[in-house]
Amino acid sequence: MTLAAAAALTATVASAQNLDAGKPPAKLFADGCATCHRSPRGLAKGRFSVTLAWFLKDHYATSPDSAKALAAYLQSVDEPPPNAAGKKPRAKPSKSASRPPKPVQSP
């Protein structure tokens, strides 16, 4: 009897599915993290991807693959866009500099 129960339990565990498999990282965030966190920005806080993935795997993710994908996503939203990395923001010209001052008229 115990052998049959063990075989049934093994079959049940073997057929279990990872419901997060194949989901894009943004969907993983929306489904599991957005309840408490409004935005993914700032959650990586400069952490190494390995330590962040370990933390997510131990506490939130359903598999190591989904933890790695979610960690990469969180870090990607914290990085500046590649084309803005070396550029300084331009100062807007003042409105007075765009046209000459109005001449003073005498009465």
Protein backbone atom coordinates (compact mmCIF):
# COMPACT_ATOMS: atom_id res chain seq x y z
CA MET A 1 0.00 0.00 0.00
CA THR A 2 2.71 2.52 0.86
CA LEU A 3 4.44 1.82 -2.43
CA ALA A 4 1.24 2.67 -4.31
CA ALA A 5 0.79 5.88 -2.30
CA ALA A 6 4.39 6.90 -2.95
CA ALA A 7 3.97 6.21 -6.67
CA ALA A 8 0.76 8.28 -6.76
CA LEU A 9 2.44 11.15 -4.91
CA THR A 10 5.43 11.04 -7.26
CA ALA A 11 3.14 11.12 -10.30
CA THR A 12 1.29 14.12 -8.88
CA VAL A 13 4.50 16.04 -8.18
CA ALA A 14 5.94 15.15 -11.59
CA SER A 15 2.87 16.51 -13.36
CA ALA A 16 2.95 19.83 -11.48
CA GLN A 17 3.45 22.77 -13.80
CA ASN A 18 5.24 26.06 -13.36
CA LEU A 19 2.50 28.57 -14.09
CA ASP A 20 5.07 31.34 -14.61
CA ALA A 21 6.97 29.47 -17.34
CA GLY A 22 7.04 31.41 -20.59
CA LYS A 23 5.63 34.65 -19.16
CA PRO A 24 7.52 37.81 -20.05
CA PRO A 25 9.21 39.50 -17.07
CA ALA A 26 6.87 42.50 -17.19
CA LYS A 27 3.93 40.11 -16.79
CA LEU A 28 5.71 38.36 -13.89
CA PHE A 29 6.06 41.76 -12.21
CA ALA A 30 2.44 42.68 -12.89
CA ASP A 31 1.14 39.37 -11.55
CA GLY A 32 3.35 39.00 -8.49
CA CYS A 33 4.89 42.32 -7.50
CA ALA A 34 2.54 45.12 -8.55
CA THR A 35 0.25 44.43 -5.62
CA CYS A 36 2.83 45.99 -3.29
CA HIS A 37 5.08 47.91 -5.70
CA ARG A 38 3.65 50.56 -8.00
CA SER A 39 6.57 50.46 -10.38
CA PRO A 40 9.57 48.21 -11.09
CA ARG A 41 11.86 51.26 -11.04
CA GLY A 42 14.24 51.37 -8.11
CA LEU A 43 13.66 47.82 -6.91
CA ALA A 44 17.02 46.55 -8.15
CA LYS A 45 18.80 49.43 -6.33
CA GLY A 46 22.18 48.69 -7.90
CA ARG A 47 22.27 45.09 -6.68
CA PHE A 48 24.20 42.43 -8.56
CA SER A 49 21.97 40.36 -10.83
CA VAL A 50 23.04 37.10 -9.16
CA THR A 51 22.16 38.22 -5.63
CA LEU A 52 18.90 39.76 -6.80
CA ALA A 53 17.94 36.56 -8.63
CA TRP A 54 18.79 34.48 -5.53
CA PHE A 55 16.63 36.72 -3.36
CA LEU A 56 13.71 36.56 -5.80
CA LYS A 57 14.04 32.77 -6.13
CA ASP A 58 14.05 32.29 -2.37
CA HIS A 59 11.16 34.63 -1.64
CA TYR A 60 8.97 35.33 -4.66
CA ALA A 61 9.69 33.48 -7.92
CA THR A 62 8.40 30.00 -8.70
CA SER A 63 11.58 28.87 -10.48
CA PRO A 64 15.22 29.88 -10.94
CA ASP A 65 14.49 30.83 -14.57
CA SER A 66 11.65 33.19 -13.68
CA ALA A 67 13.80 34.69 -10.88
CA LYS A 68 16.63 35.38 -13.36
CA ALA A 69 14.24 36.89 -15.90
CA LEU A 70 12.60 39.09 -13.28
CA ALA A 71 15.99 40.23 -11.92
CA ALA A 72 17.16 41.16 -15.43
CA TYR A 73 13.91 43.06 -16.01
CA LEU A 74 14.21 45.01 -12.75
CA GLN A 75 17.78 45.98 -13.57
CA SER A 76 16.89 46.98 -17.13
CA VAL A 77 14.27 49.49 -16.00
CA ASP A 78 16.81 51.10 -13.66
CA GLU A 79 19.46 51.64 -16.34
CA PRO A 80 19.40 54.85 -18.36
CA PRO A 81 18.61 54.44 -22.05
CA PRO A 82 21.79 53.74 -24.08
CA ASN A 83 21.59 56.92 -26.19
CA ALA A 84 21.24 59.18 -23.14
CA ALA A 85 24.24 57.80 -21.26
CA GLY A 86 26.85 60.27 -22.55
CA LYS A 87 24.68 63.25 -23.34
CA LYS A 88 24.18 66.25 -21.13
CA PRO A 89 20.72 67.79 -21.08
CA ARG A 90 20.55 70.94 -23.13
CA ALA A 91 19.54 74.13 -21.43
CA LYS A 92 16.47 75.65 -22.99
CA PRO A 93 17.04 79.08 -24.43
CA SER A 94 15.25 81.81 -22.56
CA LYS A 95 12.25 83.37 -24.22
CA SER A 96 13.90 86.79 -24.21
CA ALA A 97 16.85 85.45 -26.18
CA SER A 98 14.64 84.26 -29.02
CA ARG A 99 13.62 87.76 -30.12
CA PRO A 100 15.04 91.24 -29.68
CA PRO A 101 13.60 93.51 -27.03
CA LYS A 102 10.71 95.79 -27.98
CA PRO A 103 11.85 99.38 -28.69
CA VAL A 104 10.80 102.03 -26.19
CA GLN A 105 8.38 104.58 -27.66
CA SER A 106 8.30 108.12 -26.39
CA PRO A 107 4.89 109.79 -25.82
